[in-house]
Amino acid sequence: MDQALFRAVDHYISDLLAPQDGALRAVEPSLAEAGLPQQSVSPNQGKFLHLLALLCGAKNILEIGTLGGYSTIWLARALPEGGRLITLELDPVHADVARTNVARAGLAAKVDVRTGKALELLPGLETEGAGPFDLVFIDADKPPYAEYFRWALRLARPGTLIVADNVIREGKVLDPNSADEKVVGVQRFNATLAGHAAVTATILQTVGTKEHDGMALAIVHRPSTTAPESTGAGWPR
């Protein structure tokens, strides 16, 4: 693959159609200053998420995996007046960085950053009646992706869009004998997605500054009525 070409085209597209303002540009150095990994979605992917939220007419968004809040900002900027976004982050340091970045973008009133293990926080969202969500974006630790998907279904309505990032892993998902827990996690997720009658789904391969990966998109036909099993496990991001 010509990675240099993919990056150049990615920058060409983002310069034309996904230019970053000061709030978005500030996220990357904020991650470096706090020692966080540079794992945010690219500007083009952020703009893609923004467009998906607009297409959904999303008023209530759930994000699983916040990091420094870059994708959070793109998604929250698509919300109408009175809309809200709940984002779940395991690491308290990451969550604090995200809150600062979200506030800098003027979105603190629309965004609720919650800290803790997502598999422990998600049942609480159901209990408090936080759903149904119009859009769910999954971009967190990979081993429990299938469990996150099942919770997304539980917190959905007919027409909810579920998006999951990093589901191709540079083509490593093709290896049935992979010992990489991240690869195995997305293989489980992809198989769950393919076999679930409650959604219509596909996966788009992506190339660019984030190299070779993919995003899964699923439209919910009917929400789940069965509570997902919670392992309580704390996988690394």
Protein backbone atom coordinates (compact mmCIF):
# COMPACT_ATOMS: atom_id res chain seq x y z
CA MET A 1 0.00 0.00 0.00
CA ASP A 2 1.14 3.54 -0.72
CA GLN A 3 0.65 4.97 2.76
CA ALA A 4 2.23 8.30 1.80
CA LEU A 5 -0.39 8.72 -0.93
CA PHE A 6 -3.23 7.79 1.41
CA ARG A 7 -2.05 10.37 3.95
CA ALA A 8 -1.69 13.05 1.26
CA VAL A 9 -5.20 12.43 -0.04
CA ASP A 10 -6.55 12.42 3.52
CA HIS A 11 -4.97 15.84 4.15
CA TYR A 12 -6.32 17.09 0.80
CA ILE A 13 -9.86 16.10 1.78
CA SER A 14 -9.61 17.45 5.33
CA ASP A 15 -8.17 20.76 4.16
CA LEU A 16 -11.12 21.15 1.77
CA LEU A 17 -13.99 19.74 3.80
CA ALA A 18 -12.96 19.14 7.42
CA PRO A 19 -10.83 22.14 8.44
CA GLN A 20 -10.13 22.28 12.16
CA ASP A 21 -10.77 25.34 14.28
CA GLY A 22 -8.82 26.22 17.41
CA ALA A 23 -10.80 23.91 19.70
CA LEU A 24 -10.19 20.87 17.51
CA ARG A 25 -6.52 21.72 16.89
CA ALA A 26 -5.98 22.04 20.63
CA VAL A 27 -6.92 18.40 21.30
CA GLU A 28 -3.76 16.79 19.91
CA PRO A 29 -1.29 18.86 21.98
CA SER A 30 -3.50 18.38 25.05
CA LEU A 31 -3.10 14.62 24.66
CA ALA A 32 0.67 14.95 24.35
CA GLU A 33 0.90 17.20 27.43
CA ALA A 34 -1.08 14.70 29.53
CA GLY A 35 0.78 11.66 28.19
CA LEU A 36 -2.30 10.24 26.44
CA PRO A 37 -1.99 8.12 23.27
CA GLN A 38 -2.62 9.84 19.94
CA GLN A 39 -5.55 7.61 19.05
CA SER A 40 -8.24 10.13 18.14
CA VAL A 41 -10.17 9.71 14.92
CA SER A 42 -8.81 11.69 11.98
CA PRO A 43 -10.39 15.02 10.96
CA ASN A 44 -12.09 13.29 8.01
CA GLN A 45 -13.48 10.60 10.29
CA GLY A 46 -14.64 13.25 12.74
CA LYS A 47 -16.45 15.08 9.96
CA PHE A 48 -17.96 11.75 8.85
CA LEU A 49 -19.33 11.17 12.36
CA HIS A 50 -20.65 14.74 12.38
CA LEU A 51 -22.50 14.12 9.10
CA LEU A 52 -23.92 10.83 10.35
CA ALA A 53 -25.28 12.58 13.44
CA LEU A 54 -26.87 15.24 11.24
CA LEU A 55 -28.36 12.60 8.93
CA CYS A 56 -29.87 10.85 11.98
CA GLY A 57 -31.25 14.10 13.30
CA ALA A 58 -29.59 12.94 16.51
CA LYS A 59 -30.71 14.63 19.70
CA ASN A 60 -29.37 12.02 22.12
CA ILE A 61 -25.93 10.46 21.48
CA LEU A 62 -23.94 7.86 23.40
CA GLU A 63 -20.19 7.56 22.95
CA ILE A 64 -18.29 4.61 24.43
CA GLY A 65 -14.63 5.65 24.70
CA THR A 66 -13.82 9.34 25.06
CA LEU A 67 -10.01 9.65 25.15
CA GLY A 68 -9.39 13.42 24.83
CA GLY A 69 -12.79 14.36 23.45
CA TYR A 70 -11.91 14.90 19.79
CA SER A 71 -14.70 12.73 18.34
CA THR A 72 -16.92 13.99 21.16
CA ILE A 73 -16.60 17.55 19.86
CA TRP A 74 -17.40 16.56 16.27
CA LEU A 75 -20.49 14.63 17.38
CA ALA A 76 -21.72 17.21 19.88
CA ARG A 77 -21.49 19.99 17.28
CA ALA A 78 -24.18 18.16 15.30
CA LEU A 79 -26.64 18.29 18.20
CA PRO A 80 -29.56 20.74 18.07
CA GLU A 81 -30.43 23.09 20.90
CA GLY A 82 -31.39 20.94 23.86
CA GLY A 83 -29.51 17.90 22.56
CA ARG A 84 -27.10 15.95 24.72
CA LEU A 85 -24.21 13.53 24.45
CA ILE A 86 -23.12 11.08 27.16
CA THR A 87 -19.58 9.79 26.75
CA LEU A 88 -17.99 7.02 28.84
CA GLU A 89 -14.26 6.94 29.66
CA LEU A 90 -12.40 4.43 31.82
CA ASP A 91 -9.38 6.60 32.69
CA PRO A 92 -9.98 9.61 35.00
CA VAL A 93 -7.03 11.50 33.48
CA HIS A 94 -8.43 11.01 29.98
CA ALA A 95 -11.84 12.15 31.20
CA ASP A 96 -10.40 15.35 32.73
CA VAL A 97 -8.57 16.18 29.50
CA ALA A 98 -11.76 15.57 27.55
CA ARG A 99 -13.79 17.84 29.83
CA THR A 100 -11.28 20.63 29.31
CA ASN A 101 -11.34 20.19 25.54
CA VAL A 102 -15.13 20.01 25.42
CA ALA A 103 -15.41 23.17 27.54
CA ARG A 104 -12.94 24.97 25.25
CA ALA A 105 -15.23 24.09 22.34
CA GLY A 106 -18.18 25.66 24.18
CA LEU A 107 -20.00 22.33 24.50
CA ALA A 108 -19.90 21.66 28.25
CA ALA A 109 -23.67 22.18 28.57
CA LYS A 110 -24.36 19.47 25.98
CA VAL A 111 -21.75 16.87 26.96
CA ASP A 112 -21.74 14.64 30.03
CA VAL A 113 -18.36 12.88 30.50
CA ARG A 114 -18.73 9.89 32.84
CA THR A 115 -15.78 8.00 34.30
CA GLY A 116 -15.58 4.26 34.93
CA LYS A 117 -15.75 0.88 33.23
CA ALA A 118 -18.28 1.10 30.43
CA LEU A 119 -19.73 -2.34 31.19
CA GLU A 120 -20.50 -1.08 34.69
CA LEU A 121 -21.81 2.33 33.59
CA LEU A 122 -24.08 1.10 30.79
CA PRO A 123 -26.61 -0.65 33.08
CA GLY A 124 -26.91 2.59 35.01
CA LEU A 125 -27.85 4.45 31.85
CA GLU A 126 -30.72 2.04 31.35
CA THR A 127 -31.81 2.37 34.98
CA GLU A 128 -31.90 6.15 34.83
CA GLY A 129 -33.75 6.15 31.51
CA ALA A 130 -30.98 7.95 29.63
CA GLY A 131 -31.97 6.29 26.36
CA PRO A 132 -33.08 5.61 23.81
CA PHE A 133 -30.11 7.01 21.95
CA ASP A 134 -30.34 8.12 18.33
CA LEU A 135 -26.68 7.37 17.64
CA VAL A 136 -24.13 5.23 19.49
CA PHE A 137 -20.42 5.51 18.68
CA ILE A 138 -18.17 2.70 19.97
CA ASP A 139 -14.44 3.48 20.05
CA ALA A 140 -13.01 1.95 23.19
CA ASP A 141 -11.19 -1.19 24.35
CA LYS A 142 -11.62 -3.85 21.69
CA PRO A 143 -12.06 -7.17 23.57
CA PRO A 144 -15.60 -6.31 24.82
CA TYR A 145 -16.82 -4.73 21.54
CA ALA A 146 -19.52 -7.41 21.17
CA GLU A 147 -20.78 -6.64 24.68
CA TYR A 148 -20.81 -2.92 23.92
CA PHE A 149 -22.84 -3.64 20.80
CA ARG A 150 -25.39 -5.65 22.79
CA TRP A 151 -25.74 -2.78 25.26
CA ALA A 152 -26.12 -0.35 22.36
CA LEU A 153 -29.05 -2.45 21.16
CA ARG A 154 -30.52 -2.41 24.65
CA LEU A 155 -30.34 1.40 24.72
CA ALA A 156 -31.57 1.89 21.15
CA ARG A 157 -34.84 2.53 19.35
CA PRO A 158 -35.90 1.52 15.83
CA GLY A 159 -33.76 3.65 13.54
CA THR A 160 -30.84 4.12 15.95
CA LEU A 161 -27.47 4.18 14.17
CA ILE A 162 -24.62 2.24 15.81
CA VAL A 163 -21.08 3.03 14.60
CA ALA A 164 -17.98 1.11 15.71
CA ASP A 165 -14.43 2.13 14.83
CA ASN A 166 -11.26 0.05 14.31
CA VAL A 167 -12.94 -3.16 13.16
CA ILE A 168 -10.48 -4.20 10.40
CA ARG A 169 -7.16 -3.84 12.28
CA GLU A 170 -4.99 -3.49 9.14
CA GLY A 171 -6.56 -6.67 7.76
CA LYS A 172 -5.60 -8.75 10.79
CA VAL A 173 -9.24 -9.76 11.21
CA LEU A 174 -8.64 -12.21 8.36
CA ASP A 175 -6.43 -14.35 10.61
CA PRO A 176 -8.62 -16.97 12.33
CA ASN A 177 -5.73 -17.94 14.59
CA SER A 178 -4.83 -14.48 15.85
CA ALA A 179 -3.64 -14.31 19.46
CA ASP A 180 -4.09 -10.51 19.58
CA GLU A 181 -6.93 -9.82 22.02
CA LYS A 182 -7.88 -6.65 20.13
CA VAL A 183 -8.18 -8.56 16.86
CA VAL A 184 -10.12 -11.37 18.54
CA GLY A 185 -12.43 -8.78 20.11
CA VAL A 186 -13.36 -7.17 16.81
CA GLN A 187 -13.69 -10.58 15.14
CA ARG A 188 -16.28 -11.43 17.81
CA PHE A 189 -17.97 -8.09 17.24
CA ASN A 190 -18.04 -8.47 13.45
CA ALA A 191 -19.48 -11.98 13.73
CA THR A 192 -22.11 -10.77 16.21
CA LEU A 193 -23.03 -7.92 13.89
CA ALA A 194 -23.35 -10.24 10.90
CA GLY A 195 -25.53 -12.72 12.74
CA HIS A 196 -27.91 -10.31 14.48
CA ALA A 197 -31.37 -10.03 12.97
CA ALA A 198 -32.10 -6.82 14.85
CA VAL A 199 -29.84 -4.72 12.60
CA THR A 200 -28.87 -4.12 9.01
CA ALA A 201 -25.13 -3.49 8.88
CA THR A 202 -22.01 -3.11 6.81
CA ILE A 203 -18.32 -2.31 7.28
CA LEU A 204 -16.42 0.35 5.35
CA GLN A 205 -12.67 -0.09 4.91
CA THR A 206 -10.77 3.13 5.64
CA VAL A 207 -7.30 4.33 4.70
CA GLY A 208 -5.55 7.62 5.39
CA THR A 209 -3.70 9.14 8.30
CA LYS A 210 -5.13 6.36 10.50
CA GLU A 211 -3.66 3.79 8.11
CA HIS A 212 -5.76 0.72 7.17
CA ASP A 213 -8.82 0.03 9.28
CA GLY A 214 -12.59 0.17 9.06
CA MET A 215 -15.85 1.42 10.56
CA ALA A 216 -18.97 -0.67 11.08
CA LEU A 217 -22.39 0.92 10.65
CA ALA A 218 -25.63 -0.69 11.77
CA ILE A 219 -29.23 0.52 11.68
CA VAL A 220 -31.40 -0.94 14.43
CA HIS A 221 -34.72 -2.51 13.42
CA ARG A 222 -35.75 -3.46 16.93
CA PRO A 223 -34.02 -2.86 20.26
CA SER A 224 -32.93 -5.78 22.41
CA THR A 225 -35.18 -6.83 25.27
CA THR A 226 -32.56 -9.07 26.87
CA ALA A 227 -30.06 -7.54 29.27
CA PRO A 228 -26.48 -8.26 28.11
CA GLU A 229 -24.31 -10.29 30.41
CA SER A 230 -21.75 -8.09 32.17
CA THR A 231 -18.39 -9.74 32.79
CA GLY A 232 -17.12 -6.84 34.87
CA ALA A 233 -13.78 -7.30 33.17
CA GLY A 234 -11.46 -4.34 32.80
CA TRP A 235 -9.69 -4.71 29.48
CA PRO A 236 -6.95 -2.28 28.42
CA ARG A 237 -7.80 0.32 25.83
